[in-house]
Structure formats: C-alpha cells, structure tokens
Amino acid sequence: MNPERIVLGRFTLQHRRIEVYQIAGGSTTSVRLRRIDPDPPVDLGYINRIGSPFARLHLYRAEWSVTLRRNAKDKATAIWHHAARHEAEVEG
C-alpha cells in the first residue's frame, strides 16, 4: 500500500513541472519532489530539515547544476513555508 501524499504545491523549473509533497504521518520538516511533467512522473528526491539553515536537497538520479539545485531548493522551501502558514496548495 502506498502512503498518502499531501501535495503542498507545484512549480516550474526549466522544462520540468515539479510537485512538492509530504507523506501523511511523516516528518513535517521534510518534503519530497516529484517531476509530474514531462511524462512519466518520477520521484526526484527530497529536502530534509527544511526551514532550518541545515536544510539540504538530496537528488536520486538527477545531475543538476548548482544553480538548478539552488532554484529547486528555494522554490520548494517557499512552497513549504506558504503551506505551513496558510494550509493551502501553491501553484507557482
């Protein structure tokens, strides 16, 4: 059985549409990133200790430049902050 995903929001990074989500019952200080477009959807990685100065983006397979990694981390963190304040999904 797959755990329930709680979608916090989505953003575009170059040609990718990325979904930021958490696992129900999991850590509230980590988010997961999933590419939803282009097909097929694939899990990209996660950010742990989000919201702290020690937050780190972990990618499973993608070899992104430092700039792309920073942009993905910044956008996912902004979505996490918005969701924590407003309890609403973000479309960016």
PDB file of N, CA and C in Angstrom:
ATOM      1  N   MET A   1       0.836  -1.184   0.000  1.00  0.00           N
ATOM      2  CA  MET A   1       0.000   0.000   0.000  1.00  0.00           C
ATOM      3  C   MET A   1       0.882   1.250   0.000  1.00  0.00           C
ATOM      4  N   ASN A   2       0.567   2.187  -0.876  1.00  0.00           N
ATOM      5  CA  ASN A   2       1.319   3.435  -0.945  1.00  0.00           C
ATOM      6  C   ASN A   2       0.832   4.402   0.120  1.00  0.00           C
ATOM      7  N   PRO A   3       1.756   5.084   0.803  1.00  0.00           N
ATOM      8  CA  PRO A   3       1.329   6.070   1.789  1.00  0.00           C
ATOM      9  C   PRO A   3       0.664   7.259   1.106  1.00  0.00           C
ATOM     10  N   GLU A   4      -0.219   7.919   1.829  1.00  0.00           N
ATOM     11  CA  GLU A   4      -0.917   9.079   1.283  1.00  0.00           C
ATOM     12  C   GLU A   4       0.051  10.243   1.095  1.00  0.00           C
ATOM     13  N   ARG A   5      -0.018  10.851  -0.089  1.00  0.00           N
ATOM     14  CA  ARG A   5       0.793  12.036  -0.383  1.00  0.00           C
ATOM     15  C   ARG A   5      -0.043  13.269  -0.113  1.00  0.00           C
ATOM     16  N   ILE A   6       0.553  14.235   0.563  1.00  0.00           N
ATOM     17  CA  ILE A   6      -0.095  15.518   0.808  1.00  0.00           C
ATOM     18  C   ILE A   6       0.622  16.539  -0.072  1.00  0.00           C
ATOM     19  N   VAL A   7      -0.037  16.949  -1.134  1.00  0.00           N
ATOM     20  CA  VAL A   7       0.573  17.878  -2.084  1.00  0.00           C
ATOM     21  C   VAL A   7       0.531  19.287  -1.496  1.00  0.00           C
ATOM     22  N   LEU A   8       1.706  19.903  -1.410  1.00  0.00           N
ATOM     23  CA  LEU A   8       1.815  21.268  -0.894  1.00  0.00           C
ATOM     24  C   LEU A   8       1.781  22.290  -2.014  1.00  0.00           C
ATOM     25  N   GLY A   9       2.265  21.906  -3.189  1.00  0.00           N
ATOM     26  CA  GLY A   9       2.267  22.829  -4.317  1.00  0.00           C
ATOM     27  C   GLY A   9       3.095  22.307  -5.472  1.00  0.00           C
ATOM     28  N   ARG A  10       3.164  23.141  -6.509  1.00  0.00           N
ATOM     29  CA  ARG A  10       3.900  22.794  -7.722  1.00  0.00           C
ATOM     30  C   ARG A  10       4.653  24.018  -8.225  1.00  0.00           C
ATOM     31  N   PHE A  11       5.736  23.769  -8.947  1.00  0.00           N
ATOM     32  CA  PHE A  11       6.469  24.859  -9.579  1.00  0.00           C
ATOM     33  C   PHE A  11       7.106  24.357 -10.866  1.00  0.00           C
ATOM     34  N   THR A  12       7.509  25.316 -11.705  1.00  0.00           N
ATOM     35  CA  THR A  12       8.158  25.003 -12.964  1.00  0.00           C
ATOM     36  C   THR A  12       9.638  25.341 -12.850  1.00  0.00           C
ATOM     37  N   LEU A  13      10.464  24.407 -13.311  1.00  0.00           N
ATOM     38  CA  LEU A  13      11.909  24.590 -13.328  1.00  0.00           C
ATOM     39  C   LEU A  13      12.382  24.165 -14.712  1.00  0.00           C
ATOM     40  N   GLN A  14      12.737  25.162 -15.526  1.00  0.00           N
ATOM     41  CA  GLN A  14      13.044  24.935 -16.943  1.00  0.00           C
ATOM     42  C   GLN A  14      11.870  24.216 -17.595  1.00  0.00           C
ATOM     43  N   HIS A  15      12.078  23.038 -18.159  1.00  0.00           N
ATOM     44  CA  HIS A  15      11.009  22.306 -18.852  1.00  0.00           C
ATOM     45  C   HIS A  15      10.241  21.367 -17.920  1.00  0.00           C
ATOM     46  N   ARG A  16      10.607  21.334 -16.644  1.00  0.00           N
ATOM     47  CA  ARG A  16      10.009  20.389 -15.696  1.00  0.00           C
ATOM     48  C   ARG A  16       8.891  21.036 -14.881  1.00  0.00           C
ATOM     49  N   ARG A  17       7.843  20.292 -14.650  1.00  0.00           N
ATOM     50  CA  ARG A  17       6.790  20.685 -13.707  1.00  0.00           C
ATOM     51  C   ARG A  17       6.996  19.787 -12.496  1.00  0.00           C
ATOM     52  N   ILE A  18       7.248  20.393 -11.337  1.00  0.00           N
ATOM     53  CA  ILE A  18       7.627  19.644 -10.143  1.00  0.00           C
ATOM     54  C   ILE A  18       6.582  19.821  -9.054  1.00  0.00           C
ATOM     55  N   GLU A  19       6.252  18.707  -8.423  1.00  0.00           N
ATOM     56  CA  GLU A  19       5.290  18.700  -7.324  1.00  0.00           C
ATOM     57  C   GLU A  19       6.065  18.557  -6.015  1.00  0.00           C
ATOM     58  N   VAL A  20       5.669  19.350  -5.026  1.00  0.00           N
ATOM     59  CA  VAL A  20       6.267  19.294  -3.694  1.00  0.00           C
ATOM     60  C   VAL A  20       5.220  18.662  -2.779  1.00  0.00           C
ATOM     61  N   TYR A  21       5.597  17.604  -2.081  1.00  0.00           N
ATOM     62  CA  TYR A  21       4.622  16.926  -1.231  1.00  0.00           C
ATOM     63  C   TYR A  21       5.273  16.358   0.020  1.00  0.00           C
ATOM     64  N   GLN A  22       4.412  15.992   0.969  1.00  0.00           N
ATOM     65  CA  GLN A  22       4.830  15.301   2.180  1.00  0.00           C
ATOM     66  C   GLN A  22       4.066  13.989   2.267  1.00  0.00           C
ATOM     67  N   ILE A  23       4.576  13.081   3.064  1.00  0.00           N
ATOM     68  CA  ILE A  23       3.911  11.806   3.308  1.00  0.00           C
ATOM     69  C   ILE A  23       3.084  11.946   4.586  1.00  0.00           C
ATOM     70  N   ALA A  24       1.810  11.564   4.516  1.00  0.00           N
ATOM     71  CA  ALA A  24       0.935  11.634   5.690  1.00  0.00           C
ATOM     72  C   ALA A  24       1.554  10.836   6.833  1.00  0.00           C
ATOM     73  N   GLY A  25       1.625  11.462   7.996  1.00  0.00           N
ATOM     74  CA  GLY A  25       2.188  10.806   9.170  1.00  0.00           C
ATOM     75  C   GLY A  25       3.702  10.853   9.234  1.00  0.00           C
ATOM     76  N   GLY A  26       4.329  11.448   8.216  1.00  0.00           N
ATOM     77  CA  GLY A  26       5.791  11.539   8.185  1.00  0.00           C
ATOM     78  C   GLY A  26       6.295  12.829   8.810  1.00  0.00           C
ATOM     79  N   SER A  27       7.542  13.101   8.594  1.00  0.00           N
ATOM     80  CA  SER A  27       8.170  14.304   9.132  1.00  0.00           C
ATOM     81  C   SER A  27       7.561  15.559   8.525  1.00  0.00           C
ATOM     82  N   THR A  28       7.335  16.560   9.353  1.00  0.00           N
ATOM     83  CA  THR A  28       6.825  17.838   8.856  1.00  0.00           C
ATOM     84  C   THR A  28       7.962  18.762   8.443  1.00  0.00           C
ATOM     85  N   THR A  29       9.202  18.329   8.672  1.00  0.00           N
ATOM     86  CA  THR A  29      10.347  19.160   8.288  1.00  0.00           C
ATOM     87  C   THR A  29      11.080  18.573   7.084  1.00  0.00           C
ATOM     88  N   SER A  30      10.371  17.772   6.307  1.00  0.00           N
ATOM     89  CA  SER A  30      10.948  17.299   5.043  1.00  0.00           C
ATOM     90  C   SER A  30       9.856  17.305   3.985  1.00  0.00           C
ATOM     91  N   VAL A  31      10.283  17.545   2.763  1.00  0.00           N
ATOM     92  CA  VAL A  31       9.372  17.494   1.622  1.00  0.00           C
ATOM     93  C   VAL A  31      10.025  16.637   0.546  1.00  0.00           C
ATOM     94  N   ARG A  32       9.197  16.100  -0.317  1.00  0.00           N
ATOM     95  CA  ARG A  32       9.677  15.301  -1.442  1.00  0.00           C
ATOM     96  C   ARG A  32       9.346  16.020  -2.732  1.00  0.00           C
ATOM     97  N   LEU A  33      10.174  15.814  -3.723  1.00  0.00           N
ATOM     98  CA  LEU A  33       9.978  16.431  -5.027  1.00  0.00           C
ATOM     99  C   LEU A  33       9.723  15.340  -6.060  1.00  0.00           C
ATOM    100  N   ARG A  34       8.724  15.584  -6.894  1.00  0.00           N
ATOM    101  CA  ARG A  34       8.342  14.623  -7.936  1.00  0.00           C
ATOM    102  C   ARG A  34       8.113  15.384  -9.228  1.00  0.00           C
ATOM    103  N   ARG A  35       8.782  14.961 -10.288  1.00  0.00           N
ATOM    104  CA  ARG A  35       8.530  15.556 -11.602  1.00  0.00           C
ATOM    105  C   ARG A  35       7.225  14.976 -12.120  1.00  0.00           C
ATOM    106  N   ILE A  36       6.276  15.853 -12.431  1.00  0.00           N
ATOM    107  CA  ILE A  36       4.993  15.384 -12.937  1.00  0.00           C
ATOM    108  C   ILE A  36       4.846  15.634 -14.431  1.00  0.00           C
ATOM    109  N   ASP A  37       5.702  16.477 -14.979  1.00  0.00           N
ATOM    110  CA  ASP A  37       5.689  16.737 -16.414  1.00  0.00           C
ATOM    111  C   ASP A  37       7.099  17.129 -16.822  1.00  0.00           C
ATOM    112  N   PRO A  38       7.660  16.617 -17.869  1.00  0.00           N
ATOM    113  CA  PRO A  38       7.085  15.712 -18.855  1.00  0.00           C
ATOM    114  C   PRO A  38       6.926  14.298 -18.289  1.00  0.00           C
ATOM    115  N   ASP A  39       6.018  13.563 -18.932  1.00  0.00           N
ATOM    116  CA  ASP A  39       5.776  12.167 -18.544  1.00  0.00           C
ATOM    117  C   ASP A  39       7.015  11.344 -18.787  1.00  0.00           C
ATOM    118  N   PRO A  40       7.244  10.301 -18.083  1.00  0.00           N
ATOM    119  CA  PRO A  40       6.451   9.770 -16.989  1.00  0.00           C
ATOM    120  C   PRO A  40       6.815  10.473 -15.680  1.00  0.00           C
ATOM    121  N   PRO A  41       5.881  10.536 -14.728  1.00  0.00           N
ATOM    122  CA  PRO A  41       6.197  11.098 -13.413  1.00  0.00           C
ATOM    123  C   PRO A  41       7.307  10.284 -12.751  1.00  0.00           C
ATOM    124  N   VAL A  42       8.201  10.980 -12.073  1.00  0.00           N
ATOM    125  CA  VAL A  42       9.314  10.298 -11.408  1.00  0.00           C
ATOM    126  C   VAL A  42       9.700  11.070 -10.146  1.00  0.00           C
ATOM    127  N   ASP A  43       9.994  10.329  -9.080  1.00  0.00           N
ATOM    128  CA  ASP A  43      10.465  10.956  -7.851  1.00  0.00           C
ATOM    129  C   ASP A  43      11.879  11.471  -8.077  1.00  0.00           C
ATOM    130  N   LEU A  44      12.110  12.731  -7.710  1.00  0.00           N
ATOM    131  CA  LEU A  44      13.414  13.355  -7.932  1.00  0.00           C
ATOM    132  C   LEU A  44      14.303  13.300  -6.695  1.00  0.00           C
ATOM    133  N   GLY A  45      13.700  13.466  -5.513  1.00  0.00           N
ATOM    134  CA  GLY A  45      14.484  13.492  -4.292  1.00  0.00           C
ATOM    135  C   GLY A  45      13.701  14.143  -3.175  1.00  0.00           C
ATOM    136  N   TYR A  46      14.426  14.678  -2.208  1.00  0.00           N
ATOM    137  CA  TYR A  46      13.781  15.265  -1.041  1.00  0.00           C
ATOM    138  C   TYR A  46      14.661  16.340  -0.419  1.00  0.00           C
ATOM    139  N   ILE A  47      14.044  17.147   0.425  1.00  0.00           N
ATOM    140  CA  ILE A  47      14.778  18.125   1.232  1.00  0.00           C
ATOM    141  C   ILE A  47      14.475  17.784   2.679  1.00  0.00           C
ATOM    142  N   ASN A  48      15.500  17.555   3.463  1.00  0.00           N
ATOM    143  CA  ASN A  48      15.284  17.302   4.880  1.00  0.00           C
ATOM    144  C   ASN A  48      15.689  18.532   5.694  1.00  0.00           C
ATOM    145  N   ARG A  49      15.205  18.594   6.906  1.00  0.00           N
ATOM    146  CA  ARG A  49      15.438  19.723   7.822  1.00  0.00           C
ATOM    147  C   ARG A  49      15.048  21.051   7.170  1.00  0.00           C
ATOM    148  N   ILE A  50      13.984  21.004   6.380  1.00  0.00           N
ATOM    149  CA  ILE A  50      13.540  22.196   5.670  1.00  0.00           C
ATOM    150  C   ILE A  50      13.125  23.265   6.690  1.00  0.00           C
ATOM    151  N   GLY A  51      13.403  24.506   6.368  1.00  0.00           N
ATOM    152  CA  GLY A  51      13.109  25.607   7.268  1.00  0.00           C
ATOM    153  C   GLY A  51      14.240  25.928   8.215  1.00  0.00           C
ATOM    154  N   SER A  52      15.293  25.118   8.199  1.00  0.00           N
ATOM    155  CA  SER A  52      16.451  25.381   9.046  1.00  0.00           C
ATOM    156  C   SER A  52      17.650  25.726   8.167  1.00  0.00           C
ATOM    157  N   PRO A  53      18.674  26.318   8.761  1.00  0.00           N
ATOM    158  CA  PRO A  53      19.880  26.625   7.966  1.00  0.00           C
ATOM    159  C   PRO A  53      20.600  25.371   7.473  1.00  0.00           C
ATOM    160  N   PHE A  54      20.232  24.213   8.003  1.00  0.00           N
ATOM    161  CA  PHE A  54      20.899  22.965   7.649  1.00  0.00           C
ATOM    162  C   PHE A  54      20.132  22.156   6.610  1.00  0.00           C
ATOM    163  N   ALA A  55      19.081  22.738   6.031  1.00  0.00           N
ATOM    164  CA  ALA A  55      18.286  22.046   5.016  1.00  0.00           C
ATOM    165  C   ALA A  55      19.178  21.662   3.838  1.00  0.00           C
ATOM    166  N   ARG A  56      18.926  20.479   3.296  1.00  0.00           N
ATOM    167  CA  ARG A  56      19.738  20.000   2.177  1.00  0.00           C
ATOM    168  C   ARG A  56      18.872  19.262   1.170  1.00  0.00           C
ATOM    169  N   LEU A  57      19.105  19.545  -0.097  1.00  0.00           N
ATOM    170  CA  LEU A  57      18.413  18.873  -1.192  1.00  0.00           C
ATOM    171  C   LEU A  57      19.183  17.609  -1.558  1.00  0.00           C
ATOM    172  N   HIS A  58      18.482  16.478  -1.538  1.00  0.00           N
ATOM    173  CA  HIS A  58      19.058  15.190  -1.927  1.00  0.00           C
ATOM    174  C   HIS A  58      18.351  14.748  -3.200  1.00  0.00           C
ATOM    175  N   LEU A  59      19.098  14.538  -4.268  1.00  0.00           N
ATOM    176  CA  LEU A  59      18.518  14.088  -5.532  1.00  0.00           C
ATOM    177  C   LEU A  59      18.854  12.618  -5.743  1.00  0.00           C
ATOM    178  N   TYR A  60      17.885  11.866  -6.273  1.00  0.00           N
ATOM    179  CA  TYR A  60      18.096  10.440  -6.504  1.00  0.00           C
ATOM    180  C   TYR A  60      18.957  10.179  -7.735  1.00  0.00           C
ATOM    181  N   ARG A  61      18.583  10.785  -8.870  1.00  0.00           N
ATOM    182  CA  ARG A  61      19.296  10.489 -10.114  1.00  0.00           C
ATOM    183  C   ARG A  61      19.734  11.729 -10.868  1.00  0.00           C
ATOM    184  N   ALA A  62      19.042  12.805 -10.677  1.00  0.00           N
ATOM    185  CA  ALA A  62      19.292  14.000 -11.483  1.00  0.00           C
ATOM    186  C   ALA A  62      20.667  14.593 -11.190  1.00  0.00           C
ATOM    187  N   GLU A  63      21.341  14.970 -12.245  1.00  0.00           N
ATOM    188  CA  GLU A  63      22.616  15.669 -12.113  1.00  0.00           C
ATOM    189  C   GLU A  63      22.389  17.093 -12.569  1.00  0.00           C
ATOM    190  N   TRP A  64      22.016  17.936 -11.641  1.00  0.00           N
ATOM    191  CA  TRP A  64      21.685  19.328 -11.929  1.00  0.00           C
ATOM    192  C   TRP A  64      22.846  20.230 -11.563  1.00  0.00           C
ATOM    193  N   SER A  65      22.898  21.361 -12.246  1.00  0.00           N
ATOM    194  CA  SER A  65      23.917  22.360 -11.923  1.00  0.00           C
ATOM    195  C   SER A  65      23.632  22.931 -10.537  1.00  0.00           C
ATOM    196  N   VAL A  66      24.606  23.613  -9.992  1.00  0.00           N
ATOM    197  CA  VAL A  66      24.445  24.261  -8.686  1.00  0.00           C
ATOM    198  C   VAL A  66      23.282  25.248  -8.725  1.00  0.00           C
ATOM    199  N   THR A  67      23.150  25.985  -9.813  1.00  0.00           N
ATOM    200  CA  THR A  67      22.066  26.969  -9.944  1.00  0.00           C
ATOM    201  C   THR A  67      20.698  26.291  -9.959  1.00  0.00           C
ATOM    202  N   LEU A  68      20.550  25.207 -10.715  1.00  0.00           N
ATOM    203  CA  LEU A  68      19.270  24.489 -10.751  1.00  0.00           C
ATOM    204  C   LEU A  68      18.931  23.905  -9.390  1.00  0.00           C
ATOM    205  N   ARG A  69      19.922  23.348  -8.721  1.00  0.00           N
ATOM    206  CA  ARG A  69      19.694  22.783  -7.378  1.00  0.00           C
ATOM    207  C   ARG A  69      19.218  23.877  -6.420  1.00  0.00           C
ATOM    208  N   ARG A  70      19.878  25.023  -6.467  1.00  0.00           N
ATOM    209  CA  ARG A  70      19.516  26.132  -5.580  1.00  0.00           C
ATOM    210  C   ARG A  70      18.098  26.613  -5.876  1.00  0.00           C
ATOM    211  N   ASN A  71      17.768  26.756  -7.160  1.00  0.00           N
ATOM    212  CA  ASN A  71      16.423  27.196  -7.534  1.00  0.00           C
ATOM    213  C   ASN A  71      15.359  26.205  -7.067  1.00  0.00           C
ATOM    214  N   ALA A  72      15.603  24.914  -7.257  1.00  0.00           N
ATOM    215  CA  ALA A  72      14.639  23.897  -6.819  1.00  0.00           C
ATOM    216  C   ALA A  72      14.466  23.940  -5.305  1.00  0.00           C
ATOM    217  N   LYS A  73      15.566  24.051  -4.593  1.00  0.00           N
ATOM    218  CA  LYS A  73      15.505  24.103  -3.127  1.00  0.00           C
ATOM    219  C   LYS A  73      14.760  25.349  -2.663  1.00  0.00           C
ATOM    220  N   ASP A  74      15.068  26.496  -3.266  1.00  0.00           N
ATOM    221  CA  ASP A  74      14.415  27.752  -2.876  1.00  0.00           C
ATOM    222  C   ASP A  74      12.912  27.722  -3.162  1.00  0.00           C
ATOM    223  N   LYS A  75      12.524  27.221  -4.324  1.00  0.00           N
ATOM    224  CA  LYS A  75      11.098  27.176  -4.678  1.00  0.00           C
ATOM    225  C   LYS A  75      10.349  26.190  -3.791  1.00  0.00           C
ATOM    226  N   ALA A  76      10.928  25.029  -3.539  1.00  0.00           N
ATOM    227  CA  ALA A  76      10.277  24.039  -2.674  1.00  0.00           C
ATOM    228  C   ALA A  76      10.156  24.565  -1.248  1.00  0.00           C
ATOM    229  N   THR A  77      11.183  25.249  -0.766  1.00  0.00           N
ATOM    230  CA  THR A  77      11.145  25.823   0.580  1.00  0.00           C
ATOM    231  C   THR A  77      10.073  26.901   0.688  1.00  0.00           C
ATOM    232  N   ALA A  78       9.942  27.731  -0.339  1.00  0.00           N
ATOM    233  CA  ALA A  78       8.904  28.774  -0.343  1.00  0.00           C
ATOM    234  C   ALA A  78       7.515  28.146  -0.305  1.00  0.00           C
ATOM    235  N   ILE A  79       7.321  27.064  -1.046  1.00  0.00           N
ATOM    236  CA  ILE A  79       6.039  26.367  -1.038  1.00  0.00           C
ATOM    237  C   ILE A  79       5.764  25.789   0.346  1.00  0.00           C
ATOM    238  N   TRP A  80       6.771  25.193   0.968  1.00  0.00           N
ATOM    239  CA  TRP A  80       6.625  24.626   2.313  1.00  0.00           C
ATOM    240  C   TRP A  80       6.227  25.710   3.309  1.00  0.00           C
ATOM    241  N   HIS A  81       6.916  26.872   3.246  1.00  0.00           N
ATOM    242  CA  HIS A  81       6.596  27.985   4.162  1.00  0.00           C
ATOM    243  C   HIS A  81       5.156  28.461   3.943  1.00  0.00           C
ATOM    244  N   HIS A  82       4.763  28.620   2.687  1.00  0.00           N
ATOM    245  CA  HIS A  82       3.407  29.084   2.379  1.00  0.00           C
ATOM    246  C   HIS A  82       2.365  28.093   2.900  1.00  0.00           C
ATOM    247  N   ALA A  83       2.590  26.816   2.671  1.00  0.00           N
ATOM    248  CA  ALA A  83       1.649  25.792   3.124  1.00  0.00           C
ATOM    249  C   ALA A  83       1.559  25.781   4.643  1.00  0.00           C
ATOM    250  N   ALA A  84       2.687  25.971   5.316  1.00  0.00           N
ATOM    251  CA  ALA A  84       2.677  25.981   6.780  1.00  0.00           C
ATOM    252  C   ALA A  84       1.883  27.178   7.325  1.00  0.00           C
ATOM    253  N   ARG A  85       1.957  28.296   6.650  1.00  0.00           N
ATOM    254  CA  ARG A  85       1.240  29.494   7.100  1.00  0.00           C
ATOM    255  C   ARG A  85      -0.237  29.456   6.720  1.00  0.00           C
ATOM    256  N   HIS A  86      -0.540  28.967   5.526  1.00  0.00           N
ATOM    257  CA  HIS A  86      -1.885  29.099   5.001  1.00  0.00           C
ATOM    258  C   HIS A  86      -2.649  27.790   4.825  1.00  0.00           C
ATOM    259  N   GLU A  87      -1.951  26.674   5.014  1.00  0.00           N
ATOM    260  CA  GLU A  87      -2.560  25.361   4.814  1.00  0.00           C
ATOM    261  C   GLU A  87      -3.283  25.267   3.477  1.00  0.00           C
ATOM    262  N   ALA A  88      -2.624  25.762   2.456  1.00  0.00           N
ATOM    263  CA  ALA A  88      -3.219  25.758   1.114  1.00  0.00           C
ATOM    264  C   ALA A  88      -2.154  25.372   0.096  1.00  0.00           C
ATOM    265  N   GLU A  89      -2.583  24.746  -0.971  1.00  0.00           N
ATOM    266  CA  GLU A  89      -1.684  24.329  -2.033  1.00  0.00           C
ATOM    267  C   GLU A  89      -1.214  25.548  -2.830  1.00  0.00           C
ATOM    268  N   VAL A  90       0.027  25.528  -3.262  1.00  0.00           N
ATOM    269  CA  VAL A  90       0.629  26.627  -4.006  1.00  0.00           C
ATOM    270  C   VAL A  90       0.871  26.211  -5.440  1.00  0.00           C
ATOM    271  N   GLU A  91       0.492  27.043  -6.362  1.00  0.00           N
ATOM    272  CA  GLU A  91       0.755  26.825  -7.782  1.00  0.00           C
ATOM    273  C   GLU A  91       1.714  27.917  -8.233  1.00  0.00           C
ATOM    274  N   GLY A  92       2.960  27.550  -8.536  1.00  0.00           N
ATOM    275  CA  GLY A  92       3.942  28.571  -8.889  1.00  0.00           C
ATOM    276  C   GLY A  92       4.556  28.371 -10.230  1.00  0.00           C
TER     277      GLY A  92
END
